[in-house]
Amino acid sequence: MTVFFRFITILRVFLHYRLDELIPKQHLPLRARLLLLPCRLFPSSKLNRGERLRRACEQLGPIFVKFGQLLSTRPDLVPDDIVVELNYLQDRVAPFPNDVFRKIVETALGASVDAIFDDYDHAPLASASVAQVHTATLKNGKAVVIKAIRPNIASIIEQDVALLFQLAHLFEKYSIDGRRLRPVEIVADYRNTIFDELNLQKEAANASQLRRNFANSPLLYVPEIYWEYTRNNVMVMERIYGIPVTNIADLNAQNTDMKKLAERGVEIFFTQVFDHNFFHADMHPGNIFVSRENPQLPQYIAVDMAIVGSLTREDQYYLARNLLAMFRRDYRQVAELHVQSGWVPDYVRVDEFESAIRTVCEPIFEKPLKDISFGHVLINLFRTARRFDMEVQPQLVLLQKTLLNIEGLGRQLYPDLDLWTTAHPFLERWLKKRFSPKSLWGELKRYSPEWMEKFPQLPQLIFNSLQQLQNVGQLAPELHKTAQQLQKRSAQSSRRYWLAGALFVTAAALAHPTVNQIVSDYIQTLHFSTASLILAGLGLLAIVIKKS
């Protein structure tokens, strides 16, 4: 029932601001146009279309505000008059009263505002969809900002998410793309993400990690967290005095090198995703500032680290190789990598998928950013995905969202930026570094205790696998016969022949798709490098045994 009333509220706001007038009806199917006909019974709003959309997002709460924030970063897809209004959603959402803010802070910290802070500003510095920020000074003279979660916001979010879940279930059930797009999983991930924003201690922990990652870096500065004044719903952090990244006039006034600024933005993104595997996933313009120091080598300042993301080592690797293959226009490898990673079903014909990718990607190369519409590229990729049953990867949704934000920001800062030329050498260096002797030695030192703990289990695993091989009727006769012989010999032979036989059967089992399933349960519990190292060690041991 609560979800029903929330739906009625959304419908009321929709009709009040006549948002139907913003929809290009000529592109809608007849059924959708008929459903919108009753909207004409309501009077048109006197506000311009951008203000209508902004006010509707503000009234409907955080989820809709964040949707408006995303739209504001896409001037290539959204008309200028709408972008101007939606920019207000970055940090100028209607504030809640100061006395409510003070009460939240004092209850959380267990003392009055005046006892903890000097120069507390009653007017908010910024007011966003989830929280509000006021400035103050600590008793030791350090300038800080106080951030507090909006009152009763959790219940509103819960209602919206419940409604989204119902819509996602309906879409998954009745749409031909329902299963492939996995809307229920996406909504579940989004629920976790947005509720993480309500925990300011988690945001503070993210900020501390990001600050360590970029300690003494000329690229990015992250303000210090004051943990003694931080709770679940209140956070105190260092105040920064940068220029909002969208304030192009002020950036130009201090002679900021806009090309360098744009390139450093790309470098920061790829450094976070690949070097640190910990990226700021809410990089809309309201969260990004530019330092006033050294405008010829501009440094970014990031705030609001409530949403961060990371990838598995496998996704990280396949993503890097996919991007490099695209840069090289090796569409065959892009297609093969999609199949190898499991992003595309293994029954897809690689040559057909290669041709489709070439059709989508070829037009975007050798052009500056201003001439590339990633919005149109995404539409074409969606059509390609639909054709080849490529499922949405929930673990990549945050990364995709961040990429959209980065592109929108890059357009505003330096439209001539060549994103591909900037990113290409970074990815080349990352892949070389990943497989360098120094990196492999670091992996060995990091995981060797775990390997030593698990290594004694391997002989028993191999012996059990030999027994299971006898029950696999689909094995090739030669391999089945070899397994029986090796199992019998393993109880009689010396240690060196047993290890050599175990090596052979292990390699055969991993090579055979049916037997691979037997071993996979154990192998999947090990780090990827662990399995590789164990097999390499067994191979070396077999060579030594053979020579002896």
Foldseek 3Di string as FASTA:
>chain_A
DLLVVLVVVLVVLCLVQVLVVVDPCVPDDPVVVVVCVVSVVGDHDPDDNLQSQLVSLLVLFDVSLLVLLLVLLCCVVDPPVNNVSNVCQLWNRPDDALVVVQVQLCVFLVHGPVVFWAPWDSDWPTHHRFWTKTWTAGPVGFTKIKIFGDPPRVVSVVSVLVNQLVVLVVCLVPPPCNVQAVSNVLSVVVSVLVVLLQFVVSLLVLLVVVQVVQPVNLAEHEWHWDVSSDGRGMTMTGDADFAQLLPVVVLVVLPAPLLLNLLSLLVLQCCCAQVVQKAQLSPRSSFKGWHSPPRPNIYIYGDRSSGIAGDDPLCSVLVLVLLLCLLVLVLLVNLVSCPVSVQFPVVDDSVVLSVLVCVLRVVQPPAFLLPDDVVVSVVSVVVSCVVRSGGDDSNCPSVVSSVSNSSSSSCSRPRRHDSSVSCNVVSVVSVCVCPDPVNVVVVCVVCVVVLVVCVVCVVVLLLVLLVVLCVDPPDDPVLNVLSVVLNVVLVPDDPLVNLLSSLVNVVVLCVDPVSVVSCVVVCVVDDVVSVVVVSVVSVVSNVVSVVD
